Amino acid sequence: MKKISLCLIAFLFSAWGYAQEQSLKTEQSAQQTVISMFDALSNRDSVSLKLYCTTDILLLENGQVWNMDTLIRYAIVLNTAADFKRSNTFDFIHTTLTKNTAWVSYNLHSAITRNGKHASVHWMETVVLVKEKKDWKIQLLHSTLIKRN
């Protein structure tokens, strides 16, 4: 009887460990979608940008409501500086998952060079992602500017 109990306990712990590992991988997958979306913005790549967002994405940017067209216009089309460079660093605060929805909150620090000027910008953001087929897509992004210098 002791052997059966020990085997059952070992099985339950291994199943719990597997579930935790799968949850962590799913969290990291959602977070990677956020990183990849900002990489596309940094590279001024509208085709890749659209891969990481739903077609009806809503962005709440500094009190304004944007859609994908607005984002592309401001971040890519009007961003014509030949020396443009942007690097991003993420500090993920919290990620919550359900079956087909993820909520990811993070601090985003960006170093931006444009027209010979350097800027450091800090935002606190939350995104809502939905699963489309097997891929996470950003459906909502809410951004709060913390500091710009």
C-alpha atoms as a PDB file:
ATOM      1  CA  MET A   1       0.000   0.000   0.000  1.00  0.00           C
ATOM      2  CA  LYS A   2       2.861   2.372   0.810  1.00  0.00           C
ATOM      3  CA  LYS A   3       4.403   1.758  -2.609  1.00  0.00           C
ATOM      4  CA  ILE A   4       1.124   2.573  -4.350  1.00  0.00           C
ATOM      5  CA  SER A   5       0.747   5.770  -2.308  1.00  0.00           C
ATOM      6  CA  LEU A   6       4.320   6.815  -3.058  1.00  0.00           C
ATOM      7  CA  CYS A   7       3.840   6.119  -6.758  1.00  0.00           C
ATOM      8  CA  LEU A   8       0.614   8.118  -6.782  1.00  0.00           C
ATOM      9  CA  ILE A   9       2.299  11.048  -5.014  1.00  0.00           C
ATOM     10  CA  ALA A  10       5.246  10.913  -7.429  1.00  0.00           C
ATOM     11  CA  PHE A  11       2.858  10.856 -10.382  1.00  0.00           C
ATOM     12  CA  LEU A  12       0.889  13.845  -9.061  1.00  0.00           C
ATOM     13  CA  PHE A  13       4.052  15.876  -8.486  1.00  0.00           C
ATOM     14  CA  SER A  14       5.370  15.091 -11.958  1.00  0.00           C
ATOM     15  CA  ALA A  15       2.026  16.036 -13.526  1.00  0.00           C
ATOM     16  CA  TRP A  16       1.977  19.266 -11.493  1.00  0.00           C
ATOM     17  CA  GLY A  17       5.567  20.030 -12.570  1.00  0.00           C
ATOM     18  CA  TYR A  18       4.666  19.400 -16.209  1.00  0.00           C
ATOM     19  CA  ALA A  19       1.634  21.721 -15.959  1.00  0.00           C
ATOM     20  CA  GLN A  20       3.796  24.440 -14.392  1.00  0.00           C
ATOM     21  CA  GLU A  21       6.393  24.051 -17.153  1.00  0.00           C
ATOM     22  CA  GLN A  22       3.702  24.275 -19.851  1.00  0.00           C
ATOM     23  CA  SER A  23       2.221  27.376 -18.215  1.00  0.00           C
ATOM     24  CA  LEU A  24       5.647  29.042 -18.117  1.00  0.00           C
ATOM     25  CA  LYS A  25       6.218  28.225 -21.799  1.00  0.00           C
ATOM     26  CA  THR A  26       2.832  29.698 -22.695  1.00  0.00           C
ATOM     27  CA  GLU A  27       3.581  32.865 -20.683  1.00  0.00           C
ATOM     28  CA  GLN A  28       6.931  33.204 -22.430  1.00  0.00           C
ATOM     29  CA  SER A  29       5.259  32.693 -25.805  1.00  0.00           C
ATOM     30  CA  ALA A  30       2.808  35.543 -25.123  1.00  0.00           C
ATOM     31  CA  GLN A  31       5.652  37.754 -23.878  1.00  0.00           C
ATOM     32  CA  GLN A  32       7.715  36.921 -26.965  1.00  0.00           C
ATOM     33  CA  THR A  33       4.858  38.144 -29.161  1.00  0.00           C
ATOM     34  CA  VAL A  34       5.095  41.527 -27.424  1.00  0.00           C
ATOM     35  CA  ILE A  35       8.869  41.621 -27.933  1.00  0.00           C
ATOM     36  CA  SER A  36       8.525  40.626 -31.593  1.00  0.00           C
ATOM     37  CA  MET A  37       5.892  43.295 -32.229  1.00  0.00           C
ATOM     38  CA  PHE A  38       8.232  45.981 -30.874  1.00  0.00           C
ATOM     39  CA  ASP A  39      11.124  44.546 -32.900  1.00  0.00           C
ATOM     40  CA  ALA A  40       8.959  45.026 -36.000  1.00  0.00           C
ATOM     41  CA  LEU A  41       8.285  48.638 -34.944  1.00  0.00           C
ATOM     42  CA  SER A  42      12.007  49.192 -34.362  1.00  0.00           C
ATOM     43  CA  ASN A  43      12.754  47.801 -37.817  1.00  0.00           C
ATOM     44  CA  ARG A  44       9.941  49.871 -39.373  1.00  0.00           C
ATOM     45  CA  ASP A  45       8.521  46.655 -40.797  1.00  0.00           C
ATOM     46  CA  SER A  46       4.756  46.967 -41.235  1.00  0.00           C
ATOM     47  CA  VAL A  47       4.394  43.467 -42.716  1.00  0.00           C
ATOM     48  CA  SER A  48       5.942  41.816 -39.657  1.00  0.00           C
ATOM     49  CA  LEU A  49       4.081  44.201 -37.354  1.00  0.00           C
ATOM     50  CA  LYS A  50       0.768  42.933 -38.699  1.00  0.00           C
ATOM     51  CA  LEU A  51       1.797  39.322 -37.989  1.00  0.00           C
ATOM     52  CA  TYR A  52       1.813  39.998 -34.242  1.00  0.00           C
ATOM     53  CA  CYS A  53      -1.472  41.926 -34.034  1.00  0.00           C
ATOM     54  CA  THR A  54      -5.119  41.201 -34.656  1.00  0.00           C
ATOM     55  CA  THR A  55      -6.681  43.029 -37.582  1.00  0.00           C
ATOM     56  CA  ASP A  56      -8.850  45.001 -35.156  1.00  0.00           C
ATOM     57  CA  ILE A  57      -6.058  45.997 -32.751  1.00  0.00           C
ATOM     58  CA  LEU A  58      -6.833  48.934 -30.486  1.00  0.00           C
ATOM     59  CA  LEU A  59      -4.004  51.037 -29.067  1.00  0.00           C
ATOM     60  CA  LEU A  60      -4.567  53.506 -26.255  1.00  0.00           C
ATOM     61  CA  GLU A  61      -1.572  55.828 -26.623  1.00  0.00           C
ATOM     62  CA  ASN A  62      -1.187  58.848 -24.367  1.00  0.00           C
ATOM     63  CA  GLY A  63      -4.896  59.580 -24.283  1.00  0.00           C
ATOM     64  CA  GLN A  64      -5.450  58.847 -27.974  1.00  0.00           C
ATOM     65  CA  VAL A  65      -7.169  55.897 -29.631  1.00  0.00           C
ATOM     66  CA  TRP A  66      -5.167  54.329 -32.446  1.00  0.00           C
ATOM     67  CA  ASN A  67      -5.718  51.433 -34.825  1.00  0.00           C
ATOM     68  CA  MET A  68      -3.170  49.612 -36.989  1.00  0.00           C
ATOM     69  CA  ASP A  69      -3.279  52.306 -39.677  1.00  0.00           C
ATOM     70  CA  THR A  70      -2.511  55.009 -37.099  1.00  0.00           C
ATOM     71  CA  LEU A  71       0.360  52.996 -35.654  1.00  0.00           C
ATOM     72  CA  ILE A  72       1.892  52.395 -39.078  1.00  0.00           C
ATOM     73  CA  ARG A  73       1.462  56.053 -40.034  1.00  0.00           C
ATOM     74  CA  TYR A  74       3.194  57.421 -36.917  1.00  0.00           C
ATOM     75  CA  ALA A  75       5.784  54.716 -36.299  1.00  0.00           C
ATOM     76  CA  ILE A  76       6.730  53.776 -39.852  1.00  0.00           C
ATOM     77  CA  VAL A  77       5.463  56.051 -42.638  1.00  0.00           C
ATOM     78  CA  LEU A  78       6.232  59.389 -40.958  1.00  0.00           C
ATOM     79  CA  ASN A  79       9.393  57.992 -39.371  1.00  0.00           C
ATOM     80  CA  THR A  80      11.764  58.698 -42.259  1.00  0.00           C
ATOM     81  CA  ALA A  81      14.975  59.587 -40.397  1.00  0.00           C
ATOM     82  CA  ALA A  82      17.886  57.831 -42.090  1.00  0.00           C
ATOM     83  CA  ASP A  83      19.681  57.384 -38.764  1.00  0.00           C
ATOM     84  CA  PHE A  84      16.649  55.968 -36.923  1.00  0.00           C
ATOM     85  CA  LYS A  85      17.514  53.311 -34.389  1.00  0.00           C
ATOM     86  CA  ARG A  86      15.448  51.959 -31.514  1.00  0.00           C
ATOM     87  CA  SER A  87      16.336  49.318 -28.974  1.00  0.00           C
ATOM     88  CA  ASN A  88      13.850  48.030 -26.413  1.00  0.00           C
ATOM     89  CA  THR A  89      14.233  46.482 -22.984  1.00  0.00           C
ATOM     90  CA  PHE A  90      11.310  44.800 -21.241  1.00  0.00           C
ATOM     91  CA  ASP A  91      10.700  44.232 -17.563  1.00  0.00           C
ATOM     92  CA  PHE A  92       7.691  41.929 -17.414  1.00  0.00           C
ATOM     93  CA  ILE A  93       5.596  42.609 -14.331  1.00  0.00           C
ATOM     94  CA  HIS A  94       2.782  40.099 -14.600  1.00  0.00           C
ATOM     95  CA  THR A  95       1.329  37.669 -17.101  1.00  0.00           C
ATOM     96  CA  THR A  96      -2.084  36.040 -16.698  1.00  0.00           C
ATOM     97  CA  LEU A  97      -3.382  33.301 -18.972  1.00  0.00           C
ATOM     98  CA  THR A  98      -6.700  31.699 -19.717  1.00  0.00           C
ATOM     99  CA  LYS A  99      -7.397  29.300 -22.543  1.00  0.00           C
ATOM    100  CA  ASN A 100      -7.254  31.784 -25.421  1.00  0.00           C
ATOM    101  CA  THR A 101      -6.468  35.109 -23.740  1.00  0.00           C
ATOM    102  CA  ALA A 102      -3.359  36.520 -22.091  1.00  0.00           C
ATOM    103  CA  TRP A 103      -2.838  39.768 -20.191  1.00  0.00           C
ATOM    104  CA  VAL A 104       0.755  40.962 -20.054  1.00  0.00           C
ATOM    105  CA  SER A 105       1.930  44.003 -18.079  1.00  0.00           C
ATOM    106  CA  TYR A 106       5.461  45.323 -18.388  1.00  0.00           C
ATOM    107  CA  ASN A 107       7.776  48.311 -18.273  1.00  0.00           C
ATOM    108  CA  LEU A 108       9.216  49.193 -21.658  1.00  0.00           C
ATOM    109  CA  HIS A 109      12.443  51.179 -21.858  1.00  0.00           C
ATOM    110  CA  SER A 110      13.451  52.337 -25.330  1.00  0.00           C
ATOM    111  CA  ALA A 111      16.613  54.052 -26.496  1.00  0.00           C
ATOM    112  CA  ILE A 112      15.801  55.961 -29.655  1.00  0.00           C
ATOM    113  CA  THR A 113      18.053  57.815 -32.100  1.00  0.00           C
ATOM    114  CA  ARG A 114      16.444  60.004 -34.741  1.00  0.00           C
ATOM    115  CA  ASN A 115      17.865  62.952 -36.700  1.00  0.00           C
ATOM    116  CA  GLY A 116      21.017  62.909 -34.587  1.00  0.00           C
ATOM    117  CA  LYS A 117      19.083  63.190 -31.324  1.00  0.00           C
ATOM    118  CA  HIS A 118      19.039  60.530 -28.627  1.00  0.00           C
ATOM    119  CA  ALA A 119      16.085  59.900 -26.334  1.00  0.00           C
ATOM    120  CA  SER A 120      15.310  57.462 -23.566  1.00  0.00           C
ATOM    121  CA  VAL A 121      11.654  56.687 -23.050  1.00  0.00           C
ATOM    122  CA  HIS A 122       9.943  54.645 -20.338  1.00  0.00           C
ATOM    123  CA  TRP A 123       6.387  53.394 -20.704  1.00  0.00           C
ATOM    124  CA  MET A 124       4.270  51.139 -18.517  1.00  0.00           C
ATOM    125  CA  GLU A 125       2.034  49.059 -20.715  1.00  0.00           C
ATOM    126  CA  THR A 126      -0.533  46.306 -20.656  1.00  0.00           C
ATOM    127  CA  VAL A 127      -1.481  44.206 -23.648  1.00  0.00           C
ATOM    128  CA  VAL A 128      -4.310  41.767 -24.149  1.00  0.00           C
ATOM    129  CA  LEU A 129      -3.459  38.950 -26.508  1.00  0.00           C
ATOM    130  CA  VAL A 130      -5.762  36.375 -28.076  1.00  0.00           C
ATOM    131  CA  LYS A 131      -4.928  33.031 -29.596  1.00  0.00           C
ATOM    132  CA  GLU A 132      -5.501  32.878 -33.343  1.00  0.00           C
ATOM    133  CA  LYS A 133      -4.918  29.309 -34.435  1.00  0.00           C
ATOM    134  CA  LYS A 134      -1.739  28.551 -32.460  1.00  0.00           C
ATOM    135  CA  ASP A 135      -0.285  32.064 -32.380  1.00  0.00           C
ATOM    136  CA  TRP A 136      -0.696  34.856 -29.846  1.00  0.00           C
ATOM    137  CA  LYS A 137      -1.843  38.160 -31.369  1.00  0.00           C
ATOM    138  CA  ILE A 138      -2.032  41.538 -29.654  1.00  0.00           C
ATOM    139  CA  GLN A 139      -5.606  42.808 -29.642  1.00  0.00           C
ATOM    140  CA  LEU A 140      -5.306  45.711 -27.181  1.00  0.00           C
ATOM    141  CA  LEU A 141      -2.331  47.764 -26.042  1.00  0.00           C
ATOM    142  CA  HIS A 142      -2.664  50.392 -23.328  1.00  0.00           C
ATOM    143  CA  SER A 143       0.392  52.588 -22.901  1.00  0.00           C
ATOM    144  CA  THR A 144       1.240  55.110 -20.193  1.00  0.00           C
ATOM    145  CA  LEU A 145       4.256  57.350 -20.707  1.00  0.00           C
ATOM    146  CA  ILE A 146       6.302  57.404 -17.500  1.00  0.00           C
ATOM    147  CA  LYS A 147       9.385  59.380 -18.510  1.00  0.00           C
ATOM    148  CA  ARG A 148      10.998  60.824 -21.611  1.00  0.00           C
ATOM    149  CA  ASN A 149      14.434  62.447 -21.785  1.00  0.00           C
END
